[in-house]
Amino acid sequence: MLAAGADRDVAEVRAELRAHTGTLNALREDQVDLRDDVRGLREEMRQGFSTVTTSLGQIIELLDRDNQTDE
């Protein structure tokens, strides 16, 4: 009788362990996906800042040219 109860307890623990392992694996997959998304967003941000920097440089050149013409 005692052995049957212990077997049941072991089976329950194993089932819970499998469930927890499945949950951790799913979380890991989500983390990997999120990390990839953040990397993509970081690259987009860098490209956007580069575009803004280039545009601001062009605006400054035009303003400097206009100021030199006025003088």
PDB file of N, CA and C in Angstrom:
ATOM      1  N   MET A   1       0.820  -1.192   0.000  1.00  0.00           N
ATOM      2  CA  MET A   1       0.000   0.000   0.000  1.00  0.00           C
ATOM      3  C   MET A   1       0.867   1.261   0.000  1.00  0.00           C
ATOM      4  N   LEU A   2       1.866   1.261   0.826  1.00  0.00           N
ATOM      5  CA  LEU A   2       2.747   2.419   0.920  1.00  0.00           C
ATOM      6  C   LEU A   2       3.533   2.618  -0.370  1.00  0.00           C
ATOM      7  N   ALA A   3       3.961   1.531  -0.970  1.00  0.00           N
ATOM      8  CA  ALA A   3       4.721   1.607  -2.220  1.00  0.00           C
ATOM      9  C   ALA A   3       3.862   2.159  -3.345  1.00  0.00           C
ATOM     10  N   ALA A   4       2.602   1.805  -3.388  1.00  0.00           N
ATOM     11  CA  ALA A   4       1.701   2.305  -4.433  1.00  0.00           C
ATOM     12  C   ALA A   4       1.533   3.810  -4.298  1.00  0.00           C
ATOM     13  N   GLY A   5       1.414   4.292  -3.080  1.00  0.00           N
ATOM     14  CA  GLY A   5       1.298   5.725  -2.844  1.00  0.00           C
ATOM     15  C   GLY A   5       2.561   6.460  -3.246  1.00  0.00           C
ATOM     16  N   ALA A   6       3.695   5.872  -2.957  1.00  0.00           N
ATOM     17  CA  ALA A   6       4.973   6.485  -3.333  1.00  0.00           C
ATOM     18  C   ALA A   6       5.115   6.533  -4.847  1.00  0.00           C
ATOM     19  N   ASP A   7       4.699   5.462  -5.524  1.00  0.00           N
ATOM     20  CA  ASP A   7       4.745   5.447  -6.992  1.00  0.00           C
ATOM     21  C   ASP A   7       3.874   6.550  -7.574  1.00  0.00           C
ATOM     22  N   ARG A   8       2.692   6.726  -6.988  1.00  0.00           N
ATOM     23  CA  ARG A   8       1.788   7.781  -7.449  1.00  0.00           C
ATOM     24  C   ARG A   8       2.409   9.158  -7.232  1.00  0.00           C
ATOM     25  N   ASP A   9       3.017   9.341  -6.070  1.00  0.00           N
ATOM     26  CA  ASP A   9       3.675  10.620  -5.773  1.00  0.00           C
ATOM     27  C   ASP A   9       4.807  10.897  -6.764  1.00  0.00           C
ATOM     28  N   VAL A  10       5.598   9.882  -7.052  1.00  0.00           N
ATOM     29  CA  VAL A  10       6.699  10.037  -8.002  1.00  0.00           C
ATOM     30  C   VAL A  10       6.151  10.384  -9.381  1.00  0.00           C
ATOM     31  N   ALA A  11       5.075   9.720  -9.780  1.00  0.00           N
ATOM     32  CA  ALA A  11       4.465   9.997 -11.084  1.00  0.00           C
ATOM     33  C   ALA A  11       3.957  11.437 -11.147  1.00  0.00           C
ATOM     34  N   GLU A  12       3.361  11.910 -10.053  1.00  0.00           N
ATOM     35  CA  GLU A  12       2.864  13.291 -10.011  1.00  0.00           C
ATOM     36  C   GLU A  12       4.023  14.286 -10.102  1.00  0.00           C
ATOM     37  N   VAL A  13       5.087  14.010  -9.388  1.00  0.00           N
ATOM     38  CA  VAL A  13       6.252  14.900  -9.421  1.00  0.00           C
ATOM     39  C   VAL A  13       6.844  14.932 -10.823  1.00  0.00           C
ATOM     40  N   ARG A  14       6.931  13.771 -11.446  1.00  0.00           N
ATOM     41  CA  ARG A  14       7.464  13.724 -12.810  1.00  0.00           C
ATOM     42  C   ARG A  14       6.576  14.498 -13.774  1.00  0.00           C
ATOM     43  N   ALA A  15       5.267  14.371 -13.620  1.00  0.00           N
ATOM     44  CA  ALA A  15       4.339  15.103 -14.489  1.00  0.00           C
ATOM     45  C   ALA A  15       4.509  16.610 -14.292  1.00  0.00           C
ATOM     46  N   GLU A  16       4.630  17.032 -13.038  1.00  0.00           N
ATOM     47  CA  GLU A  16       4.832  18.457 -12.766  1.00  0.00           C
ATOM     48  C   GLU A  16       6.167  18.934 -13.334  1.00  0.00           C
ATOM     49  N   LEU A  17       7.182  18.114 -13.198  1.00  0.00           N
ATOM     50  CA  LEU A  17       8.494  18.474 -13.730  1.00  0.00           C
ATOM     51  C   LEU A  17       8.438  18.619 -15.248  1.00  0.00           C
ATOM     52  N   ARG A  18       7.735  17.712 -15.922  1.00  0.00           N
ATOM     53  CA  ARG A  18       7.585  17.821 -17.378  1.00  0.00           C
ATOM     54  C   ARG A  18       6.835  19.100 -17.743  1.00  0.00           C
ATOM     55  N   ALA A  19       5.798  19.417 -16.978  1.00  0.00           N
ATOM     56  CA  ALA A  19       5.035  20.639 -17.246  1.00  0.00           C
ATOM     57  C   ALA A  19       5.913  21.872 -17.049  1.00  0.00           C
ATOM     58  N   HIS A  20       6.684  21.884 -15.972  1.00  0.00           N
ATOM     59  CA  HIS A  20       7.570  23.027 -15.713  1.00  0.00           C
ATOM     60  C   HIS A  20       8.642  23.144 -16.789  1.00  0.00           C
ATOM     61  N   THR A  21       9.176  22.005 -17.207  1.00  0.00           N
ATOM     62  CA  THR A  21      10.184  22.012 -18.269  1.00  0.00           C
ATOM     63  C   THR A  21       9.592  22.565 -19.559  1.00  0.00           C
ATOM     64  N   GLY A  22       8.368  22.164 -19.870  1.00  0.00           N
ATOM     65  CA  GLY A  22       7.691  22.690 -21.060  1.00  0.00           C
ATOM     66  C   GLY A  22       7.486  24.191 -20.972  1.00  0.00           C
ATOM     67  N   THR A  23       7.105  24.659 -19.796  1.00  0.00           N
ATOM     68  CA  THR A  23       6.913  26.095 -19.595  1.00  0.00           C
ATOM     69  C   THR A  23       8.226  26.852 -19.774  1.00  0.00           C
ATOM     70  N   LEU A  24       9.284  26.329 -19.185  1.00  0.00           N
ATOM     71  CA  LEU A  24      10.589  26.988 -19.321  1.00  0.00           C
ATOM     72  C   LEU A  24      11.061  27.003 -20.772  1.00  0.00           C
ATOM     73  N   ASN A  25      10.832  25.926 -21.492  1.00  0.00           N
ATOM     74  CA  ASN A  25      11.217  25.896 -22.905  1.00  0.00           C
ATOM     75  C   ASN A  25      10.423  26.914 -23.717  1.00  0.00           C
ATOM     76  N   ALA A  26       9.131  27.044 -23.415  1.00  0.00           N
ATOM     77  CA  ALA A  26       8.310  28.038 -24.116  1.00  0.00           C
ATOM     78  C   ALA A  26       8.795  29.450 -23.802  1.00  0.00           C
ATOM     79  N   LEU A  27       9.118  29.711 -22.538  1.00  0.00           N
ATOM     80  CA  LEU A  27       9.645  31.028 -22.157  1.00  0.00           C
ATOM     81  C   LEU A  27      10.965  31.313 -22.862  1.00  0.00           C
ATOM     82  N   ARG A  28      11.807  30.308 -22.971  1.00  0.00           N
ATOM     83  CA  ARG A  28      13.084  30.478 -23.658  1.00  0.00           C
ATOM     84  C   ARG A  28      12.865  30.856 -25.114  1.00  0.00           C
ATOM     85  N   GLU A  29      11.937  30.173 -25.773  1.00  0.00           N
ATOM     86  CA  GLU A  29      11.643  30.497 -27.173  1.00  0.00           C
ATOM     87  C   GLU A  29      11.148  31.931 -27.301  1.00  0.00           C
ATOM     88  N   ASP A  30      10.283  32.343 -26.373  1.00  0.00           N
ATOM     89  CA  ASP A  30       9.792  33.727 -26.395  1.00  0.00           C
ATOM     90  C   ASP A  30      10.937  34.718 -26.210  1.00  0.00           C
ATOM     91  N   GLN A  31      11.838  34.416 -25.282  1.00  0.00           N
ATOM     92  CA  GLN A  31      12.976  35.305 -25.032  1.00  0.00           C
ATOM     93  C   GLN A  31      13.863  35.420 -26.266  1.00  0.00           C
ATOM     94  N   VAL A  32      14.091  34.311 -26.943  1.00  0.00           N
ATOM     95  CA  VAL A  32      14.910  34.334 -28.161  1.00  0.00           C
ATOM     96  C   VAL A  32      14.229  35.197 -29.222  1.00  0.00           C
ATOM     97  N   ASP A  33      12.909  35.017 -29.386  1.00  0.00           N
ATOM     98  CA  ASP A  33      12.169  35.818 -30.367  1.00  0.00           C
ATOM     99  C   ASP A  33      12.214  37.303 -30.014  1.00  0.00           C
ATOM    100  N   LEU A  34      12.017  37.611 -28.740  1.00  0.00           N
ATOM    101  CA  LEU A  34      12.043  39.013 -28.312  1.00  0.00           C
ATOM    102  C   LEU A  34      13.424  39.629 -28.513  1.00  0.00           C
ATOM    103  N   ARG A  35      14.465  38.861 -28.221  1.00  0.00           N
ATOM    104  CA  ARG A  35      15.829  39.364 -28.414  1.00  0.00           C
ATOM    105  C   ARG A  35      16.076  39.680 -29.886  1.00  0.00           C
ATOM    106  N   ASP A  36      15.602  38.813 -30.766  1.00  0.00           N
ATOM    107  CA  ASP A  36      15.750  39.066 -32.202  1.00  0.00           C
ATOM    108  C   ASP A  36      14.980  40.318 -32.617  1.00  0.00           C
ATOM    109  N   ASP A  37      13.772  40.490 -32.059  1.00  0.00           N
ATOM    110  CA  ASP A  37      12.982  41.686 -32.366  1.00  0.00           C
ATOM    111  C   ASP A  37      13.706  42.953 -31.918  1.00  0.00           C
ATOM    112  N   VAL A  38      14.268  42.926 -30.720  1.00  0.00           N
ATOM    113  CA  VAL A  38      14.978  44.096 -30.193  1.00  0.00           C
ATOM    114  C   VAL A  38      16.197  44.410 -31.057  1.00  0.00           C
ATOM    115  N   ARG A  39      16.897  43.377 -31.489  1.00  0.00           N
ATOM    116  CA  ARG A  39      18.051  43.609 -32.370  1.00  0.00           C
ATOM    117  C   ARG A  39      17.608  44.288 -33.662  1.00  0.00           C
ATOM    118  N   GLY A  40      16.498  43.833 -34.231  1.00  0.00           N
ATOM    119  CA  GLY A  40      15.981  44.452 -35.450  1.00  0.00           C
ATOM    120  C   GLY A  40      15.587  45.900 -35.221  1.00  0.00           C
ATOM    121  N   LEU A  41      14.918  46.162 -34.099  1.00  0.00           N
ATOM    122  CA  LEU A  41      14.519  47.536 -33.784  1.00  0.00           C
ATOM    123  C   LEU A  41      15.735  48.427 -33.556  1.00  0.00           C
ATOM    124  N   ARG A  42      16.755  47.873 -32.928  1.00  0.00           N
ATOM    125  CA  ARG A  42      17.982  48.642 -32.688  1.00  0.00           C
ATOM    126  C   ARG A  42      18.618  49.052 -34.016  1.00  0.00           C
ATOM    127  N   GLU A  43      18.640  48.135 -34.966  1.00  0.00           N
ATOM    128  CA  GLU A  43      19.222  48.441 -36.277  1.00  0.00           C
ATOM    129  C   GLU A  43      18.389  49.502 -36.996  1.00  0.00           C
ATOM    130  N   GLU A  44      17.060  49.384 -36.921  1.00  0.00           N
ATOM    131  CA  GLU A  44      16.191  50.404 -37.531  1.00  0.00           C
ATOM    132  C   GLU A  44      16.440  51.767 -36.895  1.00  0.00           C
ATOM    133  N   MET A  45      16.590  51.791 -35.571  1.00  0.00           N
ATOM    134  CA  MET A  45      16.830  53.049 -34.861  1.00  0.00           C
ATOM    135  C   MET A  45      18.147  53.671 -35.311  1.00  0.00           C
ATOM    136  N   ARG A  46      19.185  52.848 -35.416  1.00  0.00           N
ATOM    137  CA  ARG A  46      20.486  53.374 -35.845  1.00  0.00           C
ATOM    138  C   ARG A  46      20.406  53.944 -37.252  1.00  0.00           C
ATOM    139  N   GLN A  47      19.696  53.253 -38.141  1.00  0.00           N
ATOM    140  CA  GLN A  47      19.542  53.757 -39.506  1.00  0.00           C
ATOM    141  C   GLN A  47      18.752  55.061 -39.505  1.00  0.00           C
ATOM    142  N   GLY A  48      17.723  55.125 -38.667  1.00  0.00           N
ATOM    143  CA  GLY A  48      16.933  56.350 -38.574  1.00  0.00           C
ATOM    144  C   GLY A  48      17.760  57.517 -38.061  1.00  0.00           C
ATOM    145  N   PHE A  49      18.552  57.286 -37.019  1.00  0.00           N
ATOM    146  CA  PHE A  49      19.413  58.344 -36.496  1.00  0.00           C
ATOM    147  C   PHE A  49      20.443  58.775 -37.531  1.00  0.00           C
ATOM    148  N   SER A  50      20.942  57.822 -38.289  1.00  0.00           N
ATOM    149  CA  SER A  50      21.909  58.154 -39.337  1.00  0.00           C
ATOM    150  C   SER A  50      21.262  59.049 -40.389  1.00  0.00           C
ATOM    151  N   THR A  51      20.037  58.728 -40.759  1.00  0.00           N
ATOM    152  CA  THR A  51      19.305  59.544 -41.731  1.00  0.00           C
ATOM    153  C   THR A  51      19.065  60.948 -41.186  1.00  0.00           C
ATOM    154  N   VAL A  52      18.674  61.030 -39.926  1.00  0.00           N
ATOM    155  CA  VAL A  52      18.433  62.339 -39.302  1.00  0.00           C
ATOM    156  C   VAL A  52      19.728  63.141 -39.258  1.00  0.00           C
ATOM    157  N   THR A  53      20.829  62.505 -38.899  1.00  0.00           N
ATOM    158  CA  THR A  53      22.122  63.192 -38.838  1.00  0.00           C
ATOM    159  C   THR A  53      22.511  63.736 -40.205  1.00  0.00           C
ATOM    160  N   THR A  54      22.335  62.922 -41.244  1.00  0.00           N
ATOM    161  CA  THR A  54      22.651  63.362 -42.604  1.00  0.00           C
ATOM    162  C   THR A  54      21.765  64.536 -43.004  1.00  0.00           C
ATOM    163  N   SER A  55      20.480  64.432 -42.712  1.00  0.00           N
ATOM    164  CA  SER A  55      19.544  65.506 -43.069  1.00  0.00           C
ATOM    165  C   SER A  55      19.869  66.796 -42.333  1.00  0.00           C
ATOM    166  N   LEU A  56      20.191  66.686 -41.045  1.00  0.00           N
ATOM    167  CA  LEU A  56      20.551  67.884 -40.285  1.00  0.00           C
ATOM    168  C   LEU A  56      21.823  68.520 -40.834  1.00  0.00           C
ATOM    169  N   GLY A  57      22.771  67.698 -41.241  1.00  0.00           N
ATOM    170  CA  GLY A  57      23.991  68.230 -41.854  1.00  0.00           C
ATOM    171  C   GLY A  57      23.682  69.010 -43.115  1.00  0.00           C
ATOM    172  N   GLN A  58      22.768  68.492 -43.926  1.00  0.00           N
ATOM    173  CA  GLN A  58      22.383  69.191 -45.157  1.00  0.00           C
ATOM    174  C   GLN A  58      21.667  70.500 -44.839  1.00  0.00           C
ATOM    175  N   ILE A  59      20.815  70.482 -43.835  1.00  0.00           N
ATOM    176  CA  ILE A  59      20.108  71.707 -43.437  1.00  0.00           C
ATOM    177  C   ILE A  59      21.104  72.758 -42.961  1.00  0.00           C
ATOM    178  N   ILE A  60      22.076  72.343 -42.164  1.00  0.00           N
ATOM    179  CA  ILE A  60      23.089  73.283 -41.663  1.00  0.00           C
ATOM    180  C   ILE A  60      23.890  73.869 -42.818  1.00  0.00           C
ATOM    181  N   GLU A  61      24.256  73.035 -43.787  1.00  0.00           N
ATOM    182  CA  GLU A  61      24.979  73.538 -44.960  1.00  0.00           C
ATOM    183  C   GLU A  61      24.152  74.576 -45.699  1.00  0.00           C
ATOM    184  N   LEU A  62      22.879  74.303 -45.899  1.00  0.00           N
ATOM    185  CA  LEU A  62      22.012  75.251 -46.607  1.00  0.00           C
ATOM    186  C   LEU A  62      21.866  76.551 -45.830  1.00  0.00           C
ATOM    187  N   LEU A  63      21.709  76.453 -44.514  1.00  0.00           N
ATOM    188  CA  LEU A  63      21.597  77.660 -43.693  1.00  0.00           C
ATOM    189  C   LEU A  63      22.896  78.463 -43.730  1.00  0.00           C
ATOM    190  N   ASP A  64      24.029  77.779 -43.663  1.00  0.00           N
ATOM    191  CA  ASP A  64      25.320  78.472 -43.736  1.00  0.00           C
ATOM    192  C   ASP A  64      25.475  79.173 -45.081  1.00  0.00           C
ATOM    193  N   ARG A  65      25.087  78.492 -46.146  1.00  0.00           N
ATOM    194  CA  ARG A  65      25.169  79.098 -47.483  1.00  0.00           C
ATOM    195  C   ARG A  65      24.276  80.333 -47.573  1.00  0.00           C
ATOM    196  N   ASP A  66      23.083  80.215 -47.025  1.00  0.00           N
ATOM    197  CA  ASP A  66      22.135  81.335 -47.063  1.00  0.00           C
ATOM    198  C   ASP A  66      22.677  82.510 -46.252  1.00  0.00           C
ATOM    199  N   ASN A  67      23.288  82.227 -45.104  1.00  0.00           N
ATOM    200  CA  ASN A  67      23.864  83.287 -44.270  1.00  0.00           C
ATOM    201  C   ASN A  67      25.036  83.961 -44.968  1.00  0.00           C
ATOM    202  N   GLN A  68      25.836  83.216 -45.694  1.00  0.00           N
ATOM    203  CA  GLN A  68      26.969  83.792 -46.414  1.00  0.00           C
ATOM    204  C   GLN A  68      26.481  84.675 -47.559  1.00  0.00           C
ATOM    205  N   THR A  69      25.382  84.303 -48.179  1.00  0.00           N
ATOM    206  CA  THR A  69      24.822  85.092 -49.273  1.00  0.00           C
ATOM    207  C   THR A  69      24.275  86.415 -48.744  1.00  0.00           C
ATOM    208  N   ASP A  70      23.707  86.394 -47.548  1.00  0.00           N
ATOM    209  CA  ASP A  70      23.127  87.600 -46.953  1.00  0.00           C
ATOM    210  C   ASP A  70      24.200  88.593 -46.524  1.00  0.00           C
ATOM    211  N   GLU A  71      25.390  88.128 -46.274  1.00  0.00           N
ATOM    212  CA  GLU A  71      26.429  89.026 -45.738  1.00  0.00           C
ATOM    213  C   GLU A  71      27.042  89.836 -46.787  1.00  0.00           C
TER     214      GLU A  71
END
